[in-house]
Structure formats: C-alpha cells, structure tokens
Amino acid sequence: MITSDYKKVFAKNLSRLLAEHNKTQSDLVNDLKLNKSTVSTWINATKMPRMNKVEQLANYFGIEKSDLIEEKIYQSNDDINQLTAKDEREINERIESILSDMDSTTGLAAYGGTIDSEDDIELIKSSLEQALRLAKRAAKSKFTPNKYKQ
C-alpha cells in the first residue's frame, strides 16, 4: 500500500471513531493534550501519527491499534440484519420441522384441532416464517459485537 493510502485509511478510521464516540477534533486536542494542527493533518490525511500517538488514540477509544491503521470492513446495522442464504435455509428447515410435528396426535390435538386445508397450512407456514425471520434479525442485531456496527 502506498503511504498516501495509509494516511487515508487512518483518517477514515479516526473520523469514524470520532463520530461513533460523539467526539470532535477539539475533544481530542483537549483530552489528549495534542496540537490542533496535528489532529487536523491526521483527519485530512496529510500526515500519519507516530506509533506512540496511535497507541494513545487506541487507548482513548478503547480499541486495538490495528483498528486505527488497518482498513477493515464495517457493516451498517441494516447490512448486519440482512438474512443470509444460511439463515434462509435454517428458517425453512425449522418451519418444516414444526409443521411435521403438528400432526393430529401431538401438536394440534392438545388444542382440539387439526389442519384440514392447504390454506390452513399456508397460513401457519406464513406466520411461522414471519416470526422466525423477525427473531433471526433481532438476534443478529442484539448479538453482533459493536465493533462490527457502524
């Protein structure tokens, strides 16, 4: 990677971290006792900080140094909540499993009912699919580490 690319990656990561932590350049200057023009050159990708400053910034944000100097892919919450092909397959398998368990001697017998028509089966299947999709998206949102969220 060319030196200017490193500067751009660092600037992008620093800007993202400032936004995530609701901080400004002035906050960095005041909190870390840095020179205002130095922070500006970092944000504008004019200069790269020395490693001791990278370490100081990493400690400030509670991250690894690599989170500042390496280009990483961060997903937005919308991207994270999208269902993958694996998720779709798991949902379909779960629906089939539930439907096969709903015969007249086990599942529905407890409620005194049976599945009489194809319409009933499709309605149940549709309801199950919607519920499982919502649950899968909620789990992804809840259990995805913050460092992968934008």
Protein backbone atom coordinates (compact mmCIF):
# COMPACT_ATOMS: atom_id res chain seq x y z
CA MET A 1 0.00 0.00 0.00
CA ILE A 2 1.24 3.49 -0.86
CA THR A 3 1.91 5.89 2.02
CA SER A 4 -0.96 8.15 0.95
CA ASP A 5 -3.29 5.14 1.17
CA TYR A 6 -2.23 4.54 4.78
CA LYS A 7 -2.96 8.17 5.57
CA LYS A 8 -6.41 7.91 4.01
CA VAL A 9 -7.22 4.70 5.90
CA PHE A 10 -6.10 6.25 9.18
CA ALA A 11 -8.09 9.43 8.50
CA LYS A 12 -11.21 7.45 7.67
CA ASN A 13 -10.87 5.26 10.78
CA LEU A 14 -10.21 8.24 13.05
CA SER A 15 -13.18 10.15 11.63
CA ARG A 16 -15.43 7.10 12.09
CA LEU A 17 -14.27 6.64 15.69
CA LEU A 18 -14.86 10.30 16.49
CA ALA A 19 -18.40 10.02 15.13
CA GLU A 20 -19.09 6.74 16.96
CA HIS A 21 -17.94 8.23 20.27
CA ASN A 22 -19.61 11.63 19.69
CA LYS A 23 -16.24 13.35 19.88
CA THR A 24 -14.78 16.24 17.94
CA GLN A 25 -11.27 17.20 16.92
CA SER A 26 -11.34 19.71 19.77
CA ASP A 27 -12.13 16.92 22.22
CA LEU A 28 -9.03 15.05 21.06
CA VAL A 29 -6.90 18.19 21.37
CA ASN A 30 -8.17 18.92 24.88
CA ASP A 31 -8.40 15.37 26.24
CA LEU A 32 -5.07 14.11 24.90
CA LYS A 33 -3.17 17.42 25.00
CA LEU A 34 -2.48 17.33 21.29
CA ASN A 35 -1.72 20.14 18.90
CA LYS A 36 -4.79 21.32 16.96
CA SER A 37 -2.95 21.44 13.64
CA THR A 38 -1.54 17.94 14.20
CA VAL A 39 -5.02 16.45 14.65
CA SER A 40 -6.19 18.37 11.58
CA THR A 41 -3.40 16.87 9.44
CA TRP A 42 -4.44 13.38 10.59
CA ILE A 43 -8.11 13.98 9.78
CA ASN A 44 -7.24 15.45 6.37
CA ALA A 45 -4.92 12.52 5.55
CA THR A 46 -1.96 14.87 5.20
CA LYS A 47 0.18 13.12 7.79
CA MET A 48 0.28 9.88 9.75
CA PRO A 49 0.85 9.95 13.51
CA ARG A 50 3.78 8.21 15.13
CA MET A 51 3.06 4.87 16.77
CA ASN A 52 3.08 6.33 20.28
CA LYS A 53 0.23 8.65 19.22
CA VAL A 54 -1.61 5.77 17.55
CA GLU A 55 -1.32 3.87 20.83
CA GLN A 56 -2.54 6.91 22.76
CA LEU A 57 -5.57 7.22 20.44
CA ALA A 58 -6.29 3.48 20.66
CA ASN A 59 -6.30 3.69 24.47
CA TYR A 60 -8.52 6.77 24.31
CA PHE A 61 -11.14 4.97 22.20
CA GLY A 62 -10.68 1.61 23.94
CA ILE A 63 -9.69 -0.18 20.74
CA GLU A 64 -6.74 -2.00 19.21
CA LYS A 65 -4.11 -0.02 17.30
CA SER A 66 -4.98 -2.05 14.22
CA ASP A 67 -8.49 -0.55 14.33
CA LEU A 68 -6.90 2.79 13.51
CA ILE A 69 -4.24 1.85 10.98
CA GLU A 70 -5.81 -1.03 9.06
CA GLU A 71 -8.62 -0.92 6.57
CA LYS A 72 -11.45 -3.01 7.91
CA ILE A 73 -14.94 -3.64 6.67
CA TYR A 74 -17.59 -2.29 8.99
CA GLN A 75 -21.17 -3.21 8.37
CA SER A 76 -24.12 -0.98 8.97
CA ASN A 77 -26.95 -2.23 11.16
CA ASP A 78 -29.06 -2.73 8.02
CA ASP A 79 -26.37 -4.96 6.49
CA ILE A 80 -26.00 -6.94 9.71
CA ASN A 81 -29.74 -7.56 9.95
CA GLN A 82 -29.96 -8.93 6.41
CA LEU A 83 -30.61 -12.64 6.31
CA THR A 84 -28.01 -14.79 4.58
CA ALA A 85 -28.64 -17.88 2.48
CA LYS A 86 -27.71 -19.94 5.53
CA ASP A 87 -30.28 -18.05 7.63
CA GLU A 88 -32.95 -18.69 4.99
CA ARG A 89 -32.08 -22.38 4.90
CA GLU A 90 -32.25 -22.61 8.72
CA ILE A 91 -35.63 -20.86 8.74
CA ASN A 92 -37.04 -23.22 6.11
CA GLU A 93 -35.71 -26.27 7.95
CA ARG A 94 -37.25 -25.03 11.20
CA ILE A 95 -40.61 -24.41 9.52
CA GLU A 96 -40.64 -27.92 8.05
CA SER A 97 -39.70 -29.37 11.43
CA ILE A 98 -42.50 -27.51 13.20
CA LEU A 99 -45.08 -28.42 10.56
CA SER A 100 -44.11 -32.10 10.68
CA ASP A 101 -44.55 -32.00 14.46
CA MET A 102 -48.06 -30.57 14.10
CA ASP A 103 -49.95 -33.75 13.38
CA SER A 104 -53.31 -34.61 14.92
CA THR A 105 -51.84 -36.81 17.66
CA THR A 106 -49.31 -34.33 19.07
CA GLY A 107 -49.30 -30.61 18.40
CA LEU A 108 -52.79 -29.62 17.39
CA ALA A 109 -54.53 -32.40 19.33
CA ALA A 110 -53.74 -30.52 22.53
CA TYR A 111 -55.90 -27.68 21.19
CA GLY A 112 -58.59 -29.96 19.82
CA GLY A 113 -57.84 -29.00 16.24
CA THR A 114 -56.49 -30.39 13.04
CA ILE A 115 -55.06 -28.95 9.87
CA ASP A 116 -57.81 -29.56 7.34
CA SER A 117 -56.93 -27.49 4.31
CA GLU A 118 -53.98 -26.31 2.30
CA ASP A 119 -55.00 -22.75 3.16
CA ASP A 120 -54.59 -23.51 6.87
CA ILE A 121 -51.15 -24.99 6.25
CA GLU A 122 -50.07 -21.96 4.17
CA LEU A 123 -51.37 -19.55 6.83
CA ILE A 124 -49.47 -21.37 9.59
CA LYS A 125 -46.35 -21.60 7.43
CA SER A 126 -46.51 -17.89 6.59
CA SER A 127 -46.95 -16.94 10.26
CA LEU A 128 -44.07 -19.17 11.32
CA GLU A 129 -41.82 -17.79 8.60
CA GLN A 130 -42.54 -14.20 9.60
CA ALA A 131 -41.95 -14.94 13.30
CA LEU A 132 -38.69 -16.80 12.61
CA ARG A 133 -37.41 -14.01 10.33
CA LEU A 134 -38.13 -11.37 12.97
CA ALA A 135 -36.46 -13.48 15.65
CA LYS A 136 -33.37 -14.08 13.48
CA ARG A 137 -33.00 -10.36 12.69
CA ALA A 138 -33.47 -9.42 16.35
CA ALA A 139 -30.82 -11.94 17.40
CA LYS A 140 -28.38 -10.61 14.78
CA SER A 141 -28.94 -7.06 15.96
CA LYS A 142 -28.63 -7.94 19.64
CA PHE A 143 -25.67 -10.29 19.48
CA THR A 144 -23.46 -8.66 16.82
CA PRO A 145 -20.48 -7.01 18.53
CA ASN A 146 -20.49 -3.20 18.38
CA LYS A 147 -17.13 -3.08 16.62
CA TYR A 148 -18.83 -4.52 13.50
CA LYS A 149 -21.63 -1.97 13.58
CA GLN A 150 -21.35 1.46 12.05
